[in-house]
Amino acid sequence: MSRNQIIIAIAAVIVAIIVYFQFHGDETSAKASAALENGTLEIIIRTTGELKAKNSEKIMGPSAMRKAGIWNANITDMVAEGTIVDSGDYIATLDRTEIADKVKTLYNDLEKVESQYLSQKLDTSLTLRQTRDELVNLKYAMEEKKLISDQSIYEAPAVQRQAEIDMEKAKRAFDQAVENYKLKVEQAEAKTNEVFATYSQTKNSFEFAQNLLGEFTINAPKSGMLIYHRDWDGTKVQVGSRVGAWDPVVATLPDLTKMVSVTYVNEVDISKIHTGQIVKMGIDAFPDKEFDGIITAVANVGEQMPNTDAKVFEVTIELNESDSILRPAMTTSNQIFVAKYENVNQLPIEAVYSFENMKAVYIDGVGGLKLQEVKTGASNDNFIIIEDGLELGDEVLIIPTIAEKVTDTLRLAPATAISENK
């Protein structure tokens, strides 16, 4: 079959469908129309978000667990989320088993080292006392030899010489004992200091562990509403959760005077979002309430939604006002005002049909329906801008049944056939 024959056949099918539905259609094929009107068109992206405090103070578990060789601890008790607390109020308790065992072990070590230290001091005292007694005796012996030497001047030269030698020996023994005593003192001090250093280190470790044990009972650093901390996977910290040594956050105390809504925009629309855009925000829990907000941050990198192939980008919306009803984790309905077009011609979006290479509307023509190609602009959920192809006030038809049949036929036709039969 030639190309012209194909085009003629397609045109015949289109005409047949139109004629059939125009004269034999049921009530569901009744004509509906819309006129091209001039007005304002707003582009709004709607998202769902979650309220969070812009600023909050973290309630931390023991910050020095790593120093004690403890890598995590389970929460054994915790006050209910949403509790209003004052500074110093009880918040939670962590499992003390591991740190209590360390305290007990260090206490035993401390007693042992303390005993060694006291023993060393006693040994040193006794040893040095004996050495001092020996020095005294040597001094007396030296003085005695000196007296004998002095008295030997009346004796024979040999006796005198022997007395001098005995005196020199006594003096030398005394001097040597004095030097030995000094060395013994230094040696005793060094050994005592070594034992004392071990004692001090063990004592410091014990006191550190004892103080750390007290930190396993967590109190509020200031007044506020308690909000459970969320782990990296979004799981809330609660009784039974593990608090890690690297990030020992248990809960937060949010500043409820300044709130933000964290929402996610799909990758198709994210190019339309930028900081400074105005947002109208509703609270699902209070449908009659509406708040003004502004976009303050748009993520540069998207993330994967769980169990889907969709990519989304995090967007932060800051509320311009505060209200006592606002609480963290409340669900928000956000209307992000992307663009506003004044004095534009527009049609209901269902009145415009898309084909492979053009947009068109149906109008009443000579002999029945006729396709009219139009040039379109931006659109929202309900209306689309018509830039060319129609005049203000022109009526177009919305005939769902016929439109579906004709559209399906045209989508199967070559571009040239559509062009020749529109």
Protein backbone atom coordinates (compact mmCIF):
# COMPACT_ATOMS: atom_id res chain seq x y z
CA MET A 1 0.00 0.00 0.00
CA SER A 2 1.39 3.43 -0.95
CA ARG A 3 2.01 6.31 1.44
CA ASN A 4 -0.93 8.33 0.07
CA GLN A 5 -3.22 5.35 0.50
CA ILE A 6 -2.14 5.00 4.15
CA ILE A 7 -2.86 8.69 4.80
CA ILE A 8 -6.29 8.45 3.13
CA ALA A 9 -7.15 5.35 5.16
CA ILE A 10 -6.18 7.01 8.46
CA ALA A 11 -8.16 10.14 7.62
CA ALA A 12 -11.19 8.00 6.79
CA VAL A 13 -10.95 6.21 10.13
CA ILE A 14 -10.71 9.51 12.03
CA VAL A 15 -13.75 10.94 10.20
CA ALA A 16 -15.71 7.74 10.79
CA ILE A 17 -14.96 7.80 14.54
CA ILE A 18 -15.92 11.46 14.84
CA VAL A 19 -19.15 11.05 12.86
CA TYR A 20 -20.10 7.93 14.79
CA PHE A 21 -19.65 9.46 18.21
CA GLN A 22 -21.19 12.76 17.16
CA PHE A 23 -24.43 11.16 16.04
CA HIS A 24 -24.53 7.93 18.05
CA GLY A 25 -22.69 8.80 21.29
CA ASP A 26 -24.39 8.17 24.63
CA GLU A 27 -24.78 10.60 27.48
CA THR A 28 -21.16 10.18 28.59
CA SER A 29 -20.09 11.63 25.23
CA ALA A 30 -22.05 14.84 25.77
CA LYS A 31 -20.13 17.93 24.75
CA ALA A 32 -18.46 20.07 27.40
CA SER A 33 -16.77 23.31 26.46
CA ALA A 34 -14.37 25.87 27.82
CA ALA A 35 -13.51 29.34 26.66
CA LEU A 36 -10.00 30.76 26.42
CA GLU A 37 -9.84 33.22 29.32
CA ASN A 38 -7.33 35.80 30.47
CA GLY A 39 -6.19 35.84 34.05
CA THR A 40 -3.49 34.90 36.56
CA LEU A 41 -1.90 31.45 36.67
CA GLU A 42 0.13 30.28 39.64
CA ILE A 43 2.49 27.30 39.56
CA ILE A 44 2.38 25.50 42.90
CA ILE A 45 4.27 22.38 43.94
CA ARG A 46 2.62 20.49 46.78
CA THR A 47 4.65 18.36 49.17
CA THR A 48 4.34 16.68 52.53
CA GLY A 49 6.88 17.45 55.22
CA GLU A 50 7.68 17.01 58.89
CA LEU A 51 8.15 19.72 61.50
CA LYS A 52 11.47 20.05 63.29
CA ALA A 53 12.97 22.66 65.55
CA LYS A 54 15.45 24.88 63.74
CA ASN A 55 17.68 24.81 66.81
CA SER A 56 17.87 22.22 69.54
CA GLU A 57 20.21 21.17 72.32
CA LYS A 58 21.41 17.60 72.40
CA ILE A 59 21.12 15.56 75.58
CA MET A 60 24.25 13.46 75.66
CA GLY A 61 25.14 10.23 77.35
CA PRO A 62 28.58 9.79 78.97
CA SER A 63 31.03 11.51 76.64
CA ALA A 64 34.07 9.67 78.00
CA MET A 65 32.93 6.08 77.45
CA ARG A 66 35.70 5.54 74.88
CA LYS A 67 38.34 6.55 77.42
CA ALA A 68 36.97 3.88 79.74
CA GLY A 69 36.98 1.28 76.94
CA ILE A 70 33.16 1.13 76.78
CA TRP A 71 31.85 1.29 73.21
CA ASN A 72 28.10 1.29 73.80
CA ALA A 73 25.46 1.01 76.52
CA ASN A 74 21.78 0.15 76.39
CA ILE A 75 19.10 2.54 77.63
CA THR A 76 17.32 0.78 80.52
CA ASP A 77 14.86 3.55 81.39
CA MET A 78 13.72 6.80 79.83
CA VAL A 79 10.96 9.34 80.43
CA ALA A 80 8.21 9.60 77.82
CA GLU A 81 8.77 11.64 74.67
CA GLY A 82 7.12 15.04 74.86
CA THR A 83 7.71 15.39 78.60
CA ILE A 84 8.32 18.98 79.71
CA VAL A 85 11.45 18.99 81.86
CA ASP A 86 13.33 21.57 83.91
CA SER A 87 17.09 21.91 84.15
CA GLY A 88 18.49 19.00 86.16
CA ASP A 89 15.41 16.78 85.80
CA TYR A 90 15.88 13.06 85.27
CA ILE A 91 15.91 11.94 81.62
CA ALA A 92 17.25 8.39 81.29
CA THR A 93 19.40 5.62 82.73
CA LEU A 94 21.99 3.59 80.83
CA ASP A 95 22.99 0.03 81.65
CA ARG A 96 25.70 0.31 84.34
CA THR A 97 26.85 -3.33 84.31
CA GLU A 98 30.07 -2.83 82.35
CA ILE A 99 31.15 0.40 84.02
CA ALA A 100 30.25 -0.98 87.48
CA ASP A 101 32.51 -3.99 86.83
CA LYS A 102 35.33 -1.64 85.85
CA VAL A 103 34.84 0.42 89.01
CA LYS A 104 34.99 -2.72 91.14
CA THR A 105 38.14 -3.97 89.39
CA LEU A 106 39.85 -0.59 89.69
CA TYR A 107 38.91 -0.40 93.37
CA ASN A 108 40.58 -3.74 94.01
CA ASP A 109 43.63 -2.63 92.03
CA LEU A 110 43.75 0.60 94.00
CA GLU A 111 43.72 -1.22 97.34
CA LYS A 112 46.55 -3.49 96.15
CA VAL A 113 48.71 -0.63 94.84
CA GLU A 114 48.00 1.47 97.92
CA SER A 115 49.22 -1.39 100.09
CA GLN A 116 52.36 -1.68 97.98
CA TYR A 117 52.96 2.04 98.30
CA LEU A 118 52.63 2.00 102.09
CA SER A 119 54.88 -1.07 102.30
CA GLN A 120 57.50 0.64 100.17
CA LYS A 121 57.46 3.70 102.40
CA LEU A 122 57.89 1.53 105.51
CA ASP A 123 60.71 -0.48 103.93
CA THR A 124 62.46 2.70 102.91
CA SER A 125 62.18 4.15 106.40
CA LEU A 126 63.62 1.02 108.02
CA THR A 127 66.47 0.68 105.54
CA LEU A 128 67.50 4.30 105.82
CA ARG A 129 67.25 4.20 109.59
CA GLN A 130 69.66 1.26 109.73
CA THR A 131 72.03 3.05 107.38
CA ARG A 132 71.92 6.19 109.52
CA ASP A 133 72.71 4.10 112.63
CA GLU A 134 75.71 2.63 110.84
CA LEU A 135 76.89 6.12 109.93
CA VAL A 136 76.73 7.18 113.54
CA ASN A 137 78.76 4.15 114.64
CA LEU A 138 81.33 4.78 111.88
CA LYS A 139 81.62 8.39 112.96
CA TYR A 140 82.27 7.32 116.55
CA ALA A 141 84.87 4.81 115.36
CA MET A 142 86.58 7.51 113.29
CA GLU A 143 86.70 9.87 116.26
CA GLU A 144 88.05 7.11 118.47
CA LYS A 145 90.84 6.38 115.97
CA LYS A 146 91.66 10.08 115.86
CA LEU A 147 92.06 10.20 119.63
CA ILE A 148 94.38 7.21 119.54
CA SER A 149 96.37 8.83 116.74
CA ASP A 150 96.68 12.08 118.70
CA GLN A 151 97.90 10.25 121.78
CA SER A 152 100.46 8.21 119.82
CA ILE A 153 102.88 11.16 119.58
CA TYR A 154 104.57 9.83 122.67
CA GLU A 155 104.96 6.41 121.20
CA ALA A 156 107.52 4.96 118.86
CA PRO A 157 107.30 6.08 115.21
CA ALA A 158 105.93 2.69 114.14
CA VAL A 159 103.09 2.95 116.64
CA GLN A 160 102.37 6.48 115.53
CA ARG A 161 102.26 5.39 111.92
CA GLN A 162 99.87 2.53 112.70
CA ALA A 163 97.59 4.90 114.58
CA GLU A 164 97.51 7.26 111.56
CA ILE A 165 96.69 4.39 109.23
CA ASP A 166 93.85 3.22 111.48
CA MET A 167 92.47 6.75 111.62
CA GLU A 168 92.62 7.12 107.81
CA LYS A 169 90.81 3.79 107.39
CA ALA A 170 88.09 4.86 109.81
CA LYS A 171 87.66 8.21 108.04
CA ARG A 172 87.54 6.55 104.62
CA ALA A 173 84.95 4.02 105.86
CA PHE A 174 82.85 6.86 107.20
CA ASP A 175 83.09 8.93 104.00
CA GLN A 176 82.20 5.86 101.91
CA ALA A 177 79.23 5.16 104.13
CA VAL A 178 78.03 8.75 103.69
CA GLU A 179 78.16 8.40 99.88
CA ASN A 180 76.43 5.03 100.07
CA TYR A 181 73.72 6.57 102.22
CA LYS A 182 73.08 9.28 99.64
CA LEU A 183 72.77 6.65 96.89
CA LYS A 184 70.43 4.58 99.03
CA VAL A 185 68.25 7.65 99.64
CA GLU A 186 68.07 8.38 95.90
CA GLN A 187 67.36 4.72 95.14
CA ALA A 188 64.63 4.55 97.79
CA GLU A 189 63.05 7.79 96.54
CA ALA A 190 63.06 6.54 92.93
CA LYS A 191 61.44 3.24 93.89
CA THR A 192 58.93 4.98 96.14
CA ASN A 193 58.07 7.47 93.38
CA GLU A 194 57.58 4.62 90.93
CA VAL A 195 55.15 2.86 93.24
CA PHE A 196 53.47 6.19 94.01
CA ALA A 197 53.04 6.90 90.26
CA THR A 198 51.30 3.55 89.84
CA TYR A 199 49.17 4.31 92.88
CA SER A 200 48.25 7.77 91.58
CA GLN A 201 47.41 6.44 88.12
CA THR A 202 45.22 3.69 89.56
CA LYS A 203 43.55 6.17 91.89
CA ASN A 204 42.81 8.59 89.01
CA SER A 205 41.42 5.74 86.90
CA PHE A 206 39.20 4.66 89.79
CA GLU A 207 37.92 8.20 90.41
CA PHE A 208 37.36 8.71 86.67
CA ALA A 209 35.35 5.46 86.39
CA GLN A 210 33.42 6.33 89.55
CA ASN A 211 32.48 9.75 88.13
CA LEU A 212 31.63 8.17 84.77
CA LEU A 213 29.32 5.74 86.56
CA GLY A 214 27.36 8.74 87.80
CA GLU A 215 26.97 10.00 84.23
CA PHE A 216 25.04 6.84 83.33
CA THR A 217 22.11 8.62 84.95
CA ILE A 218 21.27 11.40 82.48
CA ASN A 219 19.66 14.69 83.50
CA ALA A 220 18.32 17.61 81.46
CA PRO A 221 20.89 20.38 80.79
CA LYS A 222 18.10 22.96 80.62
CA SER A 223 14.32 23.33 80.43
CA GLY A 224 12.35 22.19 77.39
CA MET A 225 10.30 19.44 75.77
CA LEU A 226 12.01 16.07 75.46
CA ILE A 227 12.24 14.67 71.92
CA TYR A 228 13.84 11.29 71.27
CA HIS A 229 16.93 11.41 69.09
CA ARG A 230 16.82 9.65 65.70
CA ASP A 231 19.58 7.38 64.46
CA TRP A 232 21.02 7.65 60.94
CA ASP A 233 18.31 5.29 59.64
CA GLY A 234 15.49 7.34 61.17
CA THR A 235 14.88 4.97 64.09
CA LYS A 236 14.02 6.74 67.32
CA VAL A 237 16.19 6.18 70.37
CA GLN A 238 14.12 4.58 73.14
CA VAL A 239 14.35 2.05 75.98
CA GLY A 240 16.52 -0.82 74.74
CA SER A 241 18.38 1.30 72.18
CA ARG A 242 22.18 1.33 72.19
CA VAL A 243 24.00 4.59 72.84
CA GLY A 244 27.36 4.50 71.08
CA ALA A 245 30.60 5.95 72.38
CA TRP A 246 31.20 7.87 69.13
CA ASP A 247 27.81 9.63 69.10
CA PRO A 248 26.21 9.31 72.56
CA VAL A 249 23.11 11.40 71.83
CA VAL A 250 20.04 10.25 73.78
CA ALA A 251 17.47 12.98 73.12
CA THR A 252 17.10 16.63 72.19
CA LEU A 253 15.51 19.71 73.70
CA PRO A 254 14.17 21.67 70.70
CA ASP A 255 13.64 25.41 70.63
CA LEU A 256 9.92 25.49 69.77
CA THR A 257 9.95 29.22 69.01
CA LYS A 258 11.55 28.62 65.60
CA MET A 259 10.35 25.67 63.53
CA VAL A 260 11.14 24.31 60.08
CA SER A 261 9.46 21.76 57.85
CA VAL A 262 11.75 19.26 56.16
CA THR A 263 10.22 18.01 52.93
CA TYR A 264 11.34 16.19 49.77
CA VAL A 265 10.81 17.24 46.15
CA ASN A 266 11.12 14.78 43.27
CA GLU A 267 13.85 15.16 40.69
CA VAL A 268 11.36 16.26 38.01
CA ASP A 269 10.36 19.39 39.95
CA ILE A 270 13.55 20.21 41.86
CA SER A 271 14.83 22.54 39.11
CA LYS A 272 11.85 24.80 39.89
CA ILE A 273 12.74 25.08 43.58
CA HIS A 274 15.16 27.65 45.00
CA THR A 275 15.76 29.47 48.25
CA GLY A 276 13.58 32.46 48.99
CA GLN A 277 10.38 31.02 47.50
CA ILE A 278 7.20 31.59 49.49
CA VAL A 279 5.38 28.63 51.02
CA LYS A 280 1.92 28.24 52.50
CA MET A 281 1.99 25.52 55.12
CA GLY A 282 -0.86 23.58 56.66
CA ILE A 283 -0.68 21.31 59.68
CA ASP A 284 -2.50 18.02 59.19
CA ALA A 285 -3.42 17.85 62.88
CA PHE A 286 -5.02 21.34 62.68
CA PRO A 287 -6.65 21.71 59.23
CA ASP A 288 -7.93 25.20 60.02
CA LYS A 289 -4.44 26.54 60.68
CA GLU A 290 -2.18 27.95 57.94
CA PHE A 291 1.31 29.39 58.28
CA ASP A 292 3.62 31.37 56.03
CA GLY A 293 7.10 30.08 55.33
CA ILE A 294 10.11 30.52 53.10
CA ILE A 295 12.54 28.03 51.57
CA THR A 296 15.93 28.40 53.25
CA ALA A 297 17.84 25.38 51.92
CA VAL A 298 17.72 23.06 48.89
CA ALA A 299 19.92 19.95 48.79
CA ASN A 300 22.39 19.76 45.92
CA VAL A 301 22.48 15.96 45.98
CA GLY A 302 19.44 13.71 45.69
CA GLU A 303 18.75 10.55 47.63
CA GLN A 304 16.96 7.30 46.88
CA MET A 305 13.50 6.75 48.28
CA PRO A 306 13.16 3.35 50.03
CA ASN A 307 11.78 0.55 47.85
CA THR A 308 11.48 2.79 44.77
CA ASP A 309 13.60 4.10 41.91
CA ALA A 310 12.51 7.67 42.61
CA LYS A 311 15.13 10.28 43.50
CA VAL A 312 14.19 13.14 45.81
CA PHE A 313 15.93 16.25 47.13
CA GLU A 314 15.63 17.54 50.68
CA VAL A 315 14.14 21.01 51.03
CA THR A 316 14.00 23.02 54.26
CA ILE A 317 11.16 25.48 54.83
CA GLU A 318 11.40 27.93 57.72
CA LEU A 319 8.20 29.20 59.30
CA ASN A 320 7.87 32.95 59.60
CA GLU A 321 5.82 32.69 62.78
CA SER A 322 5.50 30.54 65.89
CA ASP A 323 2.53 28.94 67.59
CA SER A 324 2.19 26.95 70.78
CA ILE A 325 0.37 24.15 68.92
CA LEU A 326 3.42 23.37 66.78
CA ARG A 327 5.33 20.28 67.82
CA PRO A 328 8.23 18.36 66.28
CA ALA A 329 7.28 15.43 64.02
CA MET A 330 3.91 16.95 63.05
CA THR A 331 3.05 16.37 59.38
CA THR A 332 2.82 19.46 57.18
CA SER A 333 1.16 20.06 53.83
CA ASN A 334 3.28 22.53 51.89
CA GLN A 335 2.32 24.65 48.89
CA ILE A 336 5.47 25.99 47.28
CA PHE A 337 4.74 28.99 45.02
CA VAL A 338 7.09 28.43 42.10
CA ALA A 339 5.85 31.06 39.61
CA LYS A 340 3.04 33.50 38.96
CA TYR A 341 1.94 34.63 35.46
CA GLU A 342 -0.23 37.74 35.16
CA ASN A 343 -2.59 38.50 32.21
CA VAL A 344 -2.13 35.18 30.38
CA ASN A 345 -4.60 33.31 28.20
CA GLN A 346 -5.41 29.91 29.66
CA LEU A 347 -7.59 26.84 29.26
CA PRO A 348 -8.47 23.97 31.57
CA ILE A 349 -5.66 21.46 31.23
CA GLU A 350 -8.06 18.64 30.26
CA ALA A 351 -9.06 20.62 27.14
CA VAL A 352 -5.58 20.35 25.61
CA TYR A 353 -4.36 17.07 24.11
CA SER A 354 -0.79 16.00 23.51
CA PHE A 355 0.46 14.25 20.41
CA GLU A 356 3.93 13.18 19.40
CA ASN A 357 4.83 16.50 17.79
CA MET A 358 2.17 18.98 18.80
CA LYS A 359 -0.47 20.13 21.27
CA ALA A 360 -4.04 20.60 20.04
CA VAL A 361 -7.63 21.35 21.07
CA TYR A 362 -10.98 20.31 19.60
CA ILE A 363 -13.27 23.02 18.20
CA ASP A 364 -16.59 23.03 16.36
CA GLY A 365 -15.82 23.28 12.68
CA VAL A 366 -17.69 23.01 9.43
CA GLY A 367 -19.11 19.51 9.30
CA GLY A 368 -18.19 18.57 12.88
CA LEU A 369 -15.16 18.43 15.16
CA LYS A 370 -11.87 19.86 14.10
CA LEU A 371 -8.35 19.66 15.60
CA GLN A 372 -6.70 23.02 16.18
CA GLU A 373 -2.97 23.06 16.93
CA VAL A 374 -1.96 25.42 19.77
CA LYS A 375 1.27 26.59 21.33
CA THR A 376 1.28 26.12 25.09
CA GLY A 377 3.27 27.51 28.00
CA ALA A 378 3.51 26.76 31.69
CA SER A 379 0.78 24.84 33.48
CA ASN A 380 -0.41 23.93 36.94
CA ASP A 381 -2.69 21.14 38.11
CA ASN A 382 -5.78 22.75 36.57
CA PHE A 383 -4.87 25.23 33.82
CA ILE A 384 -2.38 25.66 30.98
CA ILE A 385 -1.24 28.82 29.21
CA ILE A 386 -2.13 29.11 25.51
CA GLU A 387 0.44 31.28 23.75
CA ASP A 388 -0.77 30.90 20.16
CA GLY A 389 -3.46 29.15 18.05
CA LEU A 390 -6.59 30.62 19.67
CA GLU A 391 -8.12 34.02 20.28
CA LEU A 392 -9.42 35.24 23.61
CA GLY A 393 -12.97 33.96 24.08
CA ASP A 394 -12.65 31.06 21.62
CA GLU A 395 -14.61 27.99 22.70
CA VAL A 396 -12.95 24.57 22.73
CA LEU A 397 -14.64 21.23 23.30
CA ILE A 398 -13.90 18.71 26.01
CA ILE A 399 -15.33 15.43 24.74
CA PRO A 400 -13.59 12.65 26.65
CA THR A 401 -14.87 9.66 24.67
CA ILE A 402 -14.25 11.14 21.22
CA ALA A 403 -10.96 12.65 22.34
CA GLU A 404 -9.70 9.28 23.52
CA LYS A 405 -10.64 7.52 20.30
CA VAL A 406 -9.28 10.21 18.00
CA THR A 407 -6.13 10.62 20.07
CA ASP A 408 -5.40 6.90 20.00
CA THR A 409 -5.84 6.90 16.20
CA LEU A 410 -3.64 9.95 15.69
CA ARG A 411 -0.86 8.49 17.84
CA LEU A 412 -0.70 5.57 15.40
CA ALA A 413 -0.53 7.88 12.37
CA PRO A 414 2.65 9.23 10.71
CA ALA A 415 3.52 12.86 11.42
CA THR A 416 2.64 13.84 7.84
CA ALA A 417 -0.80 12.31 8.15
CA ILE A 418 -1.50 14.31 11.31
CA SER A 419 -0.31 17.44 9.66
CA GLU A 420 -2.53 16.95 6.59
CA ASN A 421 -5.65 16.04 8.54
CA LYS A 422 -5.63 18.47 11.47
